[in-house]
Amino acid sequence: LQFLYFIGVPSGVSASMFLLYVGVGIGLLAAVFAHQKLWMVWCGVVLVARGLRRHVGPHIGRRGIEPRVRDVNKEVLKGVVSGLKGVVHAVSPHVPTFGIRSENVELLETPEEFLESVVERLERAQTRIFIATLYLGTSKRCSRIVDAIDTAMAASPGLTTTVLVDYGRGQRKENGESVLTLFAGLVRKYSAERVKIRMFMVPLCGATFRHAPATIREIAGVQHVKAFVIDASTLLTGANLNDDYFTNRQDRYIWINDTANVSDWTASLISVLADFSYRCLLLDGHNEALTPSFPHGHSHPIYSGPSPSPYHEFSEEIVAQLLQLLDVADDIPAGTDTYVMPLIQLAAVGLEHEANMIVQSIITAPVGASLTISSAYPNFTRCISNAMNSSGADTIRVVAPAEDANGFHGAKGAKAFVPLSYTSFLASFVGSLTRRVSIALWSKPGWTYHGKGLWFQNGTIIGSTNIGHRSTSLDAELSFMILTKSEGLNAKLERELRLLLNDTTETDVVSQHAAQKYSTKVVLFFITNILYPFL
């Protein structure tokens, strides 16, 4: 009943079809009380959602499994992409636009450059540090991040640091350590007022997941925002802070240097999420590790009891603050030749701003243009395939990791099927299109691929989103649309894309999927039809 409450009761549904799927779902839920099998709860809930989605269509109730795309004037967006001046503010009434100078935009190319630039800038920080990431590893390279913050804090007494990670992934231990132990020394040395460690738990379904294990809660949604603010500079990226991302995991990295309007907004967003997060503090008798506790009472709203009202109040409050960030006035100084627009996604509380703008960017690509979409985990929604079918672009290319470049390559057990699943997703995606879209699979010996975003005429979208079901419906995401009139910056973006394409091969994923063994196809059928919303 709670699940149906959150998705809403859609209109126009065949009564027999509706009762069939609800009945099967309730039957499986009833079996749970008899056998205490958590996986049966999962299958029951997913089956109901799957049935409603298939037979009702892409727009379901309050949340919607697919994003509800608002009508945006196509000619306005085409004007933005091709002309820019004077019409940027009309992209959407809820997209703040910041004007910057193209010479302040710096693109990095390798994981090593990413690590060195972050460490160098952290050591020189003077006023503020904001870091948002899924998690922080515990290797020596990752410790350089903590050491650099320590160096800066010691040199600048007025410096404050805020680190935002996911509640589940942030507590996952590697070699006996986690974020809670890595930053304990800094909090003890400089106080919890100057070093703020926060863990955000995505609010999903009220009290539904309060008894679920940590890994299940991660499946249901994570804090996936990736951004760095160091003084007045902002790093836009999709990379996490772990050894792979510093050595052999290819991602994207764009610094916007010495630009207060972008850095102030990004710092404000991280602050809002941090205010609704667990505070990690040193408690008496626990000096070696921080302890997370929720500030608005004894626990996070999803643990506050069977009543959904705390969840609703929590959701309304965070949405109100996020909407305030989206409603800030445009800041376009004289001499601007480049425009930056932040895009937020937190579908768990009904905010689907990023997904809407990505779809509109695809649809409104000018006739004759080329469009490239990259995802580390290409499980595209129906809205994306519909947008590509309607796009004015002459050529559309999808860049994704080959199976040997997928982050789950070499995993054991059920996870070994994850790379194959994304090939299956791509094959289904290609089959749903009414136009030709080339699939370029990225592969480099010993490397994995994590790049994501869009490249289009005079601009790009970069950020944390994988442009898939998880990003659209479950995780907290942040991306930035960059539009420019600068030939120099456009050349840098073209070079970035060209370097990525150098390691790709155009692939017929439909034939590749068809060549799989029958037993493999059976497993993939289960994964792609039941677990697809969570991949």
Protein backbone atom coordinates (compact mmCIF):
# COMPACT_ATOMS: atom_id res chain seq x y z
CA LEU A 1 0.00 0.00 0.00
CA GLN A 2 2.85 2.34 0.77
CA PHE A 3 4.44 1.60 -2.59
CA LEU A 4 1.17 2.33 -4.39
CA TYR A 5 0.80 5.51 -2.36
CA PHE A 6 4.13 6.85 -3.53
CA ILE A 7 3.68 6.05 -7.20
CA GLY A 8 0.05 7.15 -7.13
CA VAL A 9 -2.93 5.38 -8.67
CA PRO A 10 -2.77 6.18 -12.38
CA SER A 11 -5.85 6.84 -14.44
CA GLY A 12 -6.90 4.88 -17.51
CA VAL A 13 -5.67 1.52 -16.23
CA SER A 14 -7.53 -1.66 -17.09
CA ALA A 15 -9.03 -2.83 -13.80
CA SER A 16 -8.18 -6.47 -14.50
CA MET A 17 -4.57 -5.65 -15.40
CA PHE A 18 -4.18 -3.43 -12.36
CA LEU A 19 -5.57 -6.06 -9.99
CA LEU A 20 -3.47 -8.79 -11.60
CA TYR A 21 -0.15 -7.11 -10.89
CA VAL A 22 -1.16 -5.78 -7.49
CA GLY A 23 -2.45 -9.23 -6.58
CA VAL A 24 0.79 -10.96 -7.57
CA GLY A 25 2.77 -8.36 -5.67
CA ILE A 26 0.68 -8.72 -2.51
CA GLY A 27 0.91 -12.49 -2.81
CA LEU A 28 4.69 -12.35 -2.78
CA LEU A 29 4.65 -9.88 0.11
CA ALA A 30 2.40 -12.26 2.06
CA ALA A 31 4.95 -15.02 1.48
CA VAL A 32 7.51 -12.84 3.20
CA PHE A 33 5.65 -13.01 6.50
CA ALA A 34 5.63 -16.78 6.24
CA HIS A 35 9.23 -17.32 5.10
CA GLN A 36 11.06 -14.07 5.89
CA LYS A 37 12.71 -13.96 2.46
CA LEU A 38 13.84 -10.42 1.71
CA TRP A 39 14.38 -11.17 -1.97
CA MET A 40 10.68 -11.96 -2.30
CA VAL A 41 9.82 -8.44 -1.07
CA TRP A 42 12.14 -7.07 -3.68
CA CYS A 43 10.66 -9.15 -6.52
CA GLY A 44 7.13 -8.29 -5.44
CA VAL A 45 7.69 -4.57 -5.40
CA VAL A 46 9.62 -4.60 -8.67
CA LEU A 47 6.99 -6.77 -10.35
CA VAL A 48 4.25 -4.32 -9.46
CA ALA A 49 6.32 -1.41 -10.77
CA ARG A 50 7.28 -3.32 -13.90
CA GLY A 51 3.70 -4.22 -14.68
CA LEU A 52 2.35 -0.73 -14.15
CA ARG A 53 5.17 0.78 -16.19
CA ARG A 54 4.64 -1.58 -19.10
CA HIS A 55 0.85 -1.28 -19.27
CA VAL A 56 0.30 2.31 -18.15
CA GLY A 57 3.10 4.05 -20.02
CA PRO A 58 6.01 6.28 -19.15
CA HIS A 59 4.18 8.67 -16.79
CA ILE A 60 3.23 7.03 -13.52
CA GLY A 61 1.74 8.91 -10.60
CA ARG A 62 3.65 11.25 -8.35
CA ARG A 63 7.20 10.05 -8.87
CA GLY A 64 7.15 8.41 -12.28
CA ILE A 65 9.62 5.77 -13.35
CA GLU A 66 10.41 7.88 -16.41
CA PRO A 67 11.07 11.63 -16.09
CA ARG A 68 8.15 13.93 -16.78
CA VAL A 69 9.58 16.24 -19.41
CA ARG A 70 8.22 19.76 -19.34
CA ASP A 71 7.51 21.55 -22.59
CA VAL A 72 10.42 23.81 -23.49
CA ASN A 73 10.48 25.92 -26.63
CA LYS A 74 12.70 24.02 -29.09
CA GLU A 75 13.58 27.15 -31.00
CA VAL A 76 14.81 28.79 -27.81
CA LEU A 77 17.15 25.90 -27.06
CA LYS A 78 18.36 25.80 -30.65
CA GLY A 79 19.04 29.51 -30.36
CA VAL A 80 21.03 28.94 -27.20
CA VAL A 81 23.16 26.24 -28.77
CA SER A 82 23.81 28.16 -31.98
CA GLY A 83 23.70 31.81 -30.95
CA LEU A 84 23.80 32.00 -27.14
CA LYS A 85 23.75 35.76 -26.62
CA GLY A 86 20.57 37.20 -25.21
CA VAL A 87 18.60 33.98 -24.96
CA VAL A 88 20.48 31.88 -22.41
CA HIS A 89 18.13 32.96 -19.64
CA ALA A 90 15.20 31.55 -21.64
CA VAL A 91 16.43 27.94 -21.59
CA SER A 92 14.15 27.29 -18.65
CA PRO A 93 12.55 29.42 -15.95
CA HIS A 94 14.25 27.14 -13.40
CA VAL A 95 17.82 26.97 -14.71
CA PRO A 96 20.16 29.51 -13.11
CA THR A 97 22.70 30.76 -15.62
CA PHE A 98 26.19 31.97 -14.73
CA GLY A 99 28.34 33.86 -17.19
CA ILE A 100 32.06 33.14 -17.14
CA ARG A 101 35.15 33.74 -19.28
CA SER A 102 36.34 30.84 -21.37
CA GLU A 103 39.96 31.41 -20.38
CA ASN A 104 38.98 30.36 -16.84
CA VAL A 105 37.93 26.89 -18.04
CA GLU A 106 40.62 24.20 -17.79
CA LEU A 107 40.18 20.64 -19.06
CA LEU A 108 42.25 17.77 -17.66
CA GLU A 109 42.90 14.58 -19.60
CA THR A 110 44.26 11.86 -17.32
CA PRO A 111 43.58 10.40 -13.85
CA GLU A 112 47.07 11.46 -12.76
CA GLU A 113 46.36 15.09 -13.67
CA PHE A 114 43.09 14.83 -11.74
CA LEU A 115 44.82 13.71 -8.53
CA GLU A 116 47.72 16.15 -8.76
CA SER A 117 45.49 19.15 -9.50
CA VAL A 118 43.20 18.36 -6.55
CA VAL A 119 46.08 17.85 -4.12
CA GLU A 120 47.90 20.99 -5.27
CA ARG A 121 44.83 23.20 -4.97
CA LEU A 122 43.81 21.72 -1.62
CA GLU A 123 47.22 22.51 -0.17
CA ARG A 124 46.85 26.15 -1.27
CA ALA A 125 43.23 26.59 -0.07
CA GLN A 126 42.65 29.64 2.11
CA THR A 127 38.94 30.20 2.74
CA ARG A 128 36.82 27.13 1.97
CA ILE A 129 36.88 23.52 0.79
CA PHE A 130 33.75 21.65 -0.28
CA ILE A 131 34.03 18.06 -1.52
CA ALA A 132 31.06 15.98 -2.67
CA THR A 133 31.74 12.41 -3.73
CA LEU A 134 30.23 8.94 -3.46
CA TYR A 135 33.06 7.75 -1.23
CA LEU A 136 36.75 8.19 -0.42
CA GLY A 137 39.18 5.29 -0.61
CA THR A 138 41.81 4.46 2.00
CA SER A 139 44.95 3.95 -0.11
CA LYS A 140 48.10 6.06 0.09
CA ARG A 141 46.95 8.14 -2.88
CA CYS A 142 43.62 8.80 -1.17
CA SER A 143 45.45 9.73 2.03
CA ARG A 144 47.14 12.52 0.05
CA ILE A 145 43.73 14.20 -0.12
CA VAL A 146 43.42 14.14 3.67
CA ASP A 147 47.04 15.25 4.13
CA ALA A 148 46.57 18.16 1.72
CA ILE A 149 43.52 19.34 3.68
CA ASP A 150 45.56 19.07 6.88
CA THR A 151 48.34 21.22 5.37
CA ALA A 152 45.88 23.90 4.28
CA MET A 153 43.97 23.93 7.59
CA ALA A 154 47.21 24.40 9.52
CA ALA A 155 48.32 27.29 7.29
CA SER A 156 44.96 29.13 7.19
CA PRO A 157 43.13 29.42 10.55
CA GLY A 158 40.00 30.74 8.80
CA LEU A 159 39.71 27.80 6.42
CA THR A 160 36.71 25.46 6.76
CA THR A 161 36.19 22.07 5.11
CA THR A 162 32.98 20.22 4.29
CA VAL A 163 33.12 16.65 2.94
CA LEU A 164 29.88 15.03 1.73
CA VAL A 165 29.73 11.29 0.98
CA ASP A 166 27.05 8.64 0.74
CA TYR A 167 25.85 7.17 4.02
CA GLY A 168 26.34 3.55 2.97
CA ARG A 169 29.43 3.72 0.76
CA GLY A 170 31.12 6.16 3.11
CA GLN A 171 31.08 3.59 5.90
CA ARG A 172 32.23 0.66 3.80
CA LYS A 173 35.63 -0.40 5.11
CA GLU A 174 38.79 -1.07 3.12
CA ASN A 175 41.69 -2.58 5.07
CA GLY A 176 39.86 -1.77 8.29
CA GLU A 177 39.42 1.92 7.45
CA SER A 178 36.65 4.13 6.07
CA VAL A 179 35.76 7.81 5.82
CA LEU A 180 34.90 7.67 9.53
CA THR A 181 38.48 6.78 10.44
CA LEU A 182 40.27 8.80 7.73
CA PHE A 183 38.90 12.13 8.92
CA ALA A 184 38.78 11.42 12.65
CA GLY A 185 42.23 12.94 13.13
CA LEU A 186 41.31 16.18 11.32
CA VAL A 187 38.11 16.60 13.35
CA ARG A 188 40.02 15.98 16.56
CA LYS A 189 42.79 18.41 15.55
CA TYR A 190 40.70 21.29 14.14
CA SER A 191 37.21 20.74 15.68
CA ALA A 192 33.91 19.67 14.14
CA GLU A 193 33.08 23.29 13.35
CA ARG A 194 36.00 23.66 10.93
CA VAL A 195 35.99 20.11 9.55
CA LYS A 196 32.46 18.95 8.74
CA ILE A 197 32.08 15.34 7.58
CA ARG A 198 28.56 14.57 6.37
CA MET A 199 26.85 11.41 5.09
CA PHE A 200 23.74 11.81 2.95
CA MET A 201 21.13 9.06 2.74
CA VAL A 202 18.79 9.41 -0.23
CA PRO A 203 15.20 9.50 1.06
CA LEU A 204 13.37 6.92 -1.03
CA CYS A 205 10.23 5.27 0.32
CA GLY A 206 9.63 6.48 3.85
CA ALA A 207 10.05 3.61 6.28
CA THR A 208 10.17 0.93 3.56
CA PHE A 209 13.95 0.38 3.71
CA ARG A 210 14.55 0.98 7.39
CA HIS A 211 15.22 -2.73 8.08
CA ALA A 212 17.12 -3.43 4.86
CA PRO A 213 20.86 -4.22 4.95
CA ALA A 214 23.28 -1.45 3.92
CA THR A 215 23.91 -3.03 0.51
CA ILE A 216 20.16 -3.05 -0.24
CA ARG A 217 19.88 0.61 0.76
CA GLU A 218 22.73 1.39 -1.66
CA ILE A 219 20.87 -0.40 -4.43
CA ALA A 220 17.84 1.77 -3.66
CA GLY A 221 19.76 5.04 -4.10
CA VAL A 222 23.01 6.80 -3.20
CA GLN A 223 24.48 10.26 -2.87
CA HIS A 224 26.13 10.38 -6.31
CA VAL A 225 26.94 14.11 -6.59
CA LYS A 226 30.59 14.75 -7.54
CA ALA A 227 31.97 18.29 -7.24
CA PHE A 228 34.83 20.18 -5.61
CA VAL A 229 34.90 23.82 -4.51
CA ILE A 230 38.29 25.16 -3.43
CA ASP A 231 38.15 28.90 -2.67
CA ALA A 232 36.64 30.39 -5.87
CA SER A 233 37.41 27.46 -8.19
CA THR A 234 35.09 24.53 -8.99
CA LEU A 235 35.91 21.09 -10.36
CA LEU A 236 33.17 19.44 -12.43
CA THR A 237 33.67 15.70 -12.75
CA GLY A 238 32.10 12.26 -12.53
CA ALA A 239 35.09 10.72 -10.75
CA ASN A 240 35.17 9.39 -7.20
CA LEU A 241 38.15 9.63 -4.87
CA ASN A 242 39.65 6.17 -5.09
CA ASP A 243 42.85 4.58 -6.42
CA ASP A 244 41.28 3.50 -9.72
CA TYR A 245 40.20 7.06 -10.49
CA PHE A 246 43.76 8.28 -9.91
CA THR A 247 45.47 5.65 -12.07
CA ASN A 248 43.58 3.65 -14.72
CA ARG A 249 39.90 4.63 -14.69
CA GLN A 250 39.18 7.19 -17.41
CA ASP A 251 36.77 9.99 -16.53
CA ARG A 252 36.17 13.67 -17.35
CA TYR A 253 37.47 16.68 -15.40
CA ILE A 254 36.78 20.38 -15.97
CA TRP A 255 38.03 23.13 -13.66
CA ILE A 256 36.26 26.50 -13.65
CA ASN A 257 38.93 28.68 -12.10
CA ASP A 258 38.52 31.88 -10.07
CA THR A 259 34.82 32.23 -10.82
CA ALA A 260 32.83 33.11 -7.71
CA ASN A 261 29.31 32.79 -9.12
CA VAL A 262 29.72 29.10 -10.04
CA SER A 263 31.70 28.20 -6.91
CA ASP A 264 29.25 30.00 -4.58
CA TRP A 265 26.28 28.16 -6.07
CA THR A 266 28.00 24.76 -5.94
CA ALA A 267 29.09 25.34 -2.34
CA SER A 268 25.50 26.27 -1.47
CA LEU A 269 24.18 23.04 -3.01
CA ILE A 270 26.66 20.90 -1.08
CA SER A 271 25.74 22.83 2.08
CA VAL A 272 22.03 22.11 1.58
CA LEU A 273 22.66 18.39 1.14
CA ALA A 274 25.02 18.46 4.14
CA ASP A 275 22.32 20.07 6.31
CA PHE A 276 20.07 17.07 5.61
CA SER A 277 22.82 14.54 6.25
CA TYR A 278 24.24 12.57 9.14
CA ARG A 279 26.84 14.55 11.05
CA CYS A 280 29.97 12.53 11.74
CA LEU A 281 31.27 13.48 15.18
CA LEU A 282 33.74 12.26 17.76
CA LEU A 283 31.82 10.80 20.68
CA ASP A 284 33.20 10.05 24.14
CA GLY A 285 35.13 6.82 24.07
CA HIS A 286 35.31 6.72 20.26
CA ASN A 287 38.33 8.89 19.43
CA GLU A 288 39.63 6.69 16.61
CA ALA A 289 36.53 6.92 14.42
CA LEU A 290 33.68 9.32 13.81
CA THR A 291 30.10 8.36 14.59
CA PRO A 292 27.26 9.44 12.27
CA SER A 293 24.15 10.95 13.87
CA PHE A 294 21.22 12.79 12.31
CA PRO A 295 20.76 16.45 13.37
CA HIS A 296 16.97 16.75 13.12
CA GLY A 297 16.17 14.35 15.94
CA HIS A 298 17.44 10.94 16.94
CA SER A 299 17.60 9.41 13.48
CA HIS A 300 17.01 9.86 9.78
CA PRO A 301 13.29 10.22 8.87
CA ILE A 302 13.15 6.78 7.27
CA TYR A 303 13.82 5.29 10.72
CA SER A 304 11.28 7.41 12.55
CA GLY A 305 8.44 4.90 12.61
CA PRO A 306 5.68 3.51 10.45
CA SER A 307 4.02 6.86 9.81
CA PRO A 308 5.12 8.41 6.49
CA SER A 309 4.66 11.99 7.76
CA PRO A 310 8.29 12.52 8.89
CA TYR A 311 9.44 11.46 5.43
CA HIS A 312 7.02 13.88 3.77
CA GLU A 313 8.13 16.76 5.99
CA PHE A 314 11.77 15.94 5.30
CA SER A 315 11.15 15.73 1.55
CA GLU A 316 9.22 18.99 1.41
CA GLU A 317 11.91 20.82 3.35
CA ILE A 318 14.82 19.64 1.21
CA VAL A 319 12.88 20.26 -2.01
CA ALA A 320 12.06 23.80 -0.89
CA GLN A 321 15.74 24.58 -0.33
CA LEU A 322 16.84 22.96 -3.60
CA LEU A 323 14.20 24.92 -5.53
CA GLN A 324 15.51 28.11 -3.97
CA LEU A 325 18.91 27.28 -5.44
CA LEU A 326 17.33 26.75 -8.85
CA ASP A 327 15.48 30.06 -8.63
CA VAL A 328 18.52 32.26 -7.97
CA ALA A 329 18.98 35.21 -10.30
CA ASP A 330 21.20 34.85 -13.35
CA ASP A 331 24.69 36.29 -12.99
CA ILE A 332 26.13 37.24 -16.38
CA PRO A 333 29.00 39.76 -16.01
CA ALA A 334 30.34 41.91 -18.83
CA GLY A 335 32.79 40.10 -21.07
CA THR A 336 31.00 36.76 -20.73
CA ASP A 337 31.51 34.33 -23.61
CA THR A 338 30.59 31.11 -21.81
CA TYR A 339 27.52 30.11 -19.81
CA VAL A 340 27.27 27.50 -17.04
CA MET A 341 23.92 26.05 -15.93
CA PRO A 342 23.71 23.60 -12.99
CA LEU A 343 21.26 20.70 -13.24
CA ILE A 344 19.99 18.81 -10.16
CA GLN A 345 18.38 15.37 -10.00
CA LEU A 346 16.77 13.90 -6.88
CA ALA A 347 13.73 11.97 -8.10
CA ALA A 348 13.15 10.43 -4.66
CA VAL A 349 11.62 13.78 -3.66
CA GLY A 350 10.18 14.59 -7.09
CA LEU A 351 13.02 16.78 -8.44
CA GLU A 352 13.77 15.69 -12.02
CA HIS A 353 15.42 18.85 -13.30
CA GLU A 354 18.57 17.29 -14.76
CA ALA A 355 16.79 14.49 -16.67
CA ASN A 356 14.39 16.98 -18.24
CA MET A 357 17.17 19.22 -19.53
CA ILE A 358 19.21 16.31 -20.90
CA VAL A 359 16.18 15.09 -22.86
CA GLN A 360 15.52 18.58 -24.18
CA SER A 361 19.18 18.98 -25.17
CA ILE A 362 18.93 15.81 -27.28
CA ILE A 363 15.60 16.75 -28.87
CA THR A 364 16.65 20.29 -29.76
CA ALA A 365 20.03 19.49 -31.31
CA PRO A 366 20.18 21.60 -34.52
CA VAL A 367 19.63 19.95 -37.89
CA GLY A 368 22.96 18.88 -39.33
CA ALA A 369 24.65 18.76 -35.92
CA SER A 370 26.53 15.88 -34.33
CA LEU A 371 25.62 14.64 -30.84
CA THR A 372 27.64 12.33 -28.61
CA ILE A 373 26.34 10.76 -25.39
CA SER A 374 28.62 8.91 -23.01
CA SER A 375 27.69 6.70 -20.06
CA ALA A 376 29.74 4.41 -17.85
CA TYR A 377 26.62 2.32 -17.21
CA PRO A 378 24.38 2.67 -20.29
CA ASN A 379 20.92 1.66 -19.14
CA PHE A 380 19.00 4.41 -20.91
CA THR A 381 15.39 5.28 -20.13
CA ARG A 382 12.59 5.28 -22.66
CA CYS A 383 12.66 9.08 -22.61
CA ILE A 384 16.23 9.05 -23.92
CA SER A 385 15.41 6.72 -26.80
CA ASN A 386 12.31 8.78 -27.65
CA ALA A 387 14.40 11.96 -27.54
CA MET A 388 16.95 10.45 -29.93
CA ASN A 389 14.20 9.42 -32.31
CA SER A 390 12.95 13.04 -32.29
CA SER A 391 16.37 14.72 -32.36
CA GLY A 392 17.31 17.04 -35.19
CA ALA A 393 20.95 15.89 -35.07
CA ASP A 394 22.21 14.20 -38.23
CA THR A 395 24.55 11.86 -36.37
CA ILE A 396 24.20 10.50 -32.85
CA ARG A 397 26.93 8.47 -31.19
CA VAL A 398 26.80 6.60 -27.87
CA VAL A 399 30.11 5.99 -26.09
CA ALA A 400 30.14 3.24 -23.45
CA PRO A 401 32.68 0.85 -21.95
CA ALA A 402 33.32 -2.47 -23.62
CA GLU A 403 32.76 -5.44 -21.34
CA ASP A 404 36.47 -5.56 -20.43
CA ALA A 405 36.40 -1.83 -19.55
CA ASN A 406 33.32 -2.02 -17.34
CA GLY A 407 33.92 -1.32 -13.66
CA PHE A 408 32.53 -4.76 -12.76
CA HIS A 409 34.80 -6.64 -15.17
CA GLY A 410 36.48 -9.51 -13.36
CA ALA A 411 33.96 -9.54 -10.50
CA LYS A 412 32.90 -12.83 -8.94
CA GLY A 413 29.49 -14.36 -8.50
CA ALA A 414 26.38 -12.55 -9.73
CA LYS A 415 28.34 -9.34 -10.34
CA ALA A 416 30.20 -11.12 -13.15
CA PHE A 417 27.04 -10.74 -15.25
CA VAL A 418 26.90 -6.94 -14.86
CA PRO A 419 29.12 -6.08 -17.88
CA LEU A 420 27.08 -8.50 -20.02
CA SER A 421 23.90 -6.87 -18.74
CA TYR A 422 24.93 -3.48 -20.09
CA THR A 423 25.61 -5.02 -23.50
CA SER A 424 22.09 -6.43 -23.31
CA PHE A 425 20.72 -3.01 -22.32
CA LEU A 426 22.48 -1.42 -25.28
CA ALA A 427 21.12 -4.06 -27.65
CA SER A 428 17.57 -3.43 -26.40
CA PHE A 429 18.13 0.30 -26.64
CA VAL A 430 19.27 0.07 -30.27
CA GLY A 431 16.26 -2.11 -31.03
CA SER A 432 13.92 0.59 -29.65
CA LEU A 433 15.25 3.28 -32.00
CA THR A 434 13.73 4.29 -35.32
CA ARG A 435 16.94 5.88 -36.56
CA ARG A 436 20.59 4.91 -36.76
CA VAL A 437 22.72 5.54 -33.68
CA SER A 438 26.32 4.35 -33.66
CA ILE A 439 27.59 2.53 -30.57
CA ALA A 440 31.28 3.14 -29.83
CA LEU A 441 32.67 0.85 -27.12
CA TRP A 442 35.70 2.15 -25.21
CA SER A 443 38.50 -0.30 -24.41
CA LYS A 444 42.10 0.16 -23.29
CA PRO A 445 44.26 -2.66 -21.88
CA GLY A 446 44.28 -2.55 -18.09
CA TRP A 447 41.87 0.39 -17.91
CA THR A 448 38.18 0.90 -17.13
CA TYR A 449 35.88 3.64 -18.42
CA HIS A 450 33.82 6.04 -16.30
CA GLY A 451 33.30 9.03 -18.61
CA LYS A 452 29.81 10.45 -18.96
CA GLY A 453 27.99 13.41 -20.38
CA LEU A 454 27.01 14.98 -23.68
CA TRP A 455 28.92 16.81 -26.39
CA PHE A 456 26.93 18.96 -28.80
CA GLN A 457 27.36 22.04 -30.93
CA ASN A 458 29.08 24.77 -28.88
CA GLY A 459 28.81 22.97 -25.58
CA THR A 460 28.76 19.98 -23.27
CA ILE A 461 27.07 18.50 -20.22
CA ILE A 462 29.36 17.08 -17.55
CA GLY A 463 28.66 15.68 -14.12
CA SER A 464 27.78 12.63 -12.09
CA THR A 465 24.83 11.26 -14.07
CA ASN A 466 25.07 8.07 -16.13
CA ILE A 467 21.89 9.12 -17.97
CA GLY A 468 20.26 5.81 -17.01
CA HIS A 469 17.50 4.43 -14.84
CA ARG A 470 19.45 4.77 -11.57
CA SER A 471 20.42 8.36 -12.25
CA THR A 472 16.89 9.26 -13.31
CA SER A 473 14.92 7.57 -10.53
CA LEU A 474 17.13 6.72 -7.55
CA ASP A 475 20.39 8.61 -7.00
CA ALA A 476 21.17 12.21 -6.09
CA GLU A 477 22.94 13.72 -9.11
CA LEU A 478 24.51 16.99 -10.23
CA SER A 479 25.54 17.99 -13.73
CA PHE A 480 26.48 21.24 -15.46
CA MET A 481 25.57 22.40 -18.94
CA ILE A 482 28.32 24.53 -20.49
CA LEU A 483 27.57 26.61 -23.59
CA THR A 484 30.25 28.74 -25.21
CA LYS A 485 30.89 31.15 -28.06
CA SER A 486 34.65 30.72 -27.64
CA GLU A 487 36.44 28.97 -30.47
CA GLY A 488 39.26 28.11 -28.09
CA LEU A 489 37.02 26.36 -25.55
CA ASN A 490 35.12 24.57 -28.32
CA ALA A 491 38.46 23.29 -29.61
CA LYS A 492 39.31 21.99 -26.12
CA LEU A 493 35.98 20.16 -25.89
CA GLU A 494 36.49 18.67 -29.34
CA ARG A 495 39.96 17.50 -28.31
CA GLU A 496 38.56 15.92 -25.13
CA LEU A 497 36.02 13.97 -27.17
CA ARG A 498 38.56 13.02 -29.83
CA LEU A 499 40.95 11.59 -27.21
CA LEU A 500 38.16 9.44 -25.79
CA LEU A 501 37.08 8.25 -29.23
CA ASN A 502 40.66 7.20 -30.04
CA ASP A 503 40.13 4.18 -27.76
CA THR A 504 36.69 3.22 -29.06
CA THR A 505 35.48 0.78 -31.68
CA GLU A 506 32.09 1.00 -33.37
CA THR A 507 30.29 -2.22 -32.43
CA ASP A 508 27.14 -4.08 -33.45
CA VAL A 509 25.88 -4.75 -29.92
CA VAL A 510 22.74 -6.50 -31.19
CA SER A 511 24.81 -9.22 -32.88
CA GLN A 512 27.19 -9.36 -29.93
CA HIS A 513 24.30 -9.98 -27.55
CA ALA A 514 22.71 -12.54 -29.89
CA ALA A 515 25.93 -14.56 -29.87
CA GLN A 516 25.74 -15.20 -26.11
CA LYS A 517 25.15 -18.73 -24.82
CA TYR A 518 21.56 -19.71 -24.08
CA SER A 519 22.26 -20.12 -20.35
CA THR A 520 23.80 -16.66 -20.24
CA LYS A 521 20.79 -15.20 -22.00
CA VAL A 522 18.48 -16.70 -19.37
CA VAL A 523 20.39 -14.99 -16.56
CA LEU A 524 20.54 -11.74 -18.52
CA PHE A 525 16.79 -11.94 -19.14
CA PHE A 526 16.17 -12.01 -15.39
CA ILE A 527 18.61 -9.15 -14.73
CA THR A 528 17.42 -6.90 -17.53
CA ASN A 529 13.71 -7.44 -16.83
CA ILE A 530 13.66 -7.42 -13.02
CA LEU A 531 16.75 -5.58 -11.81
CA TYR A 532 17.04 -3.00 -14.59
CA PRO A 533 15.77 -0.03 -12.48
CA PHE A 534 18.70 -0.48 -10.10
CA LEU A 535 21.55 -0.80 -12.63
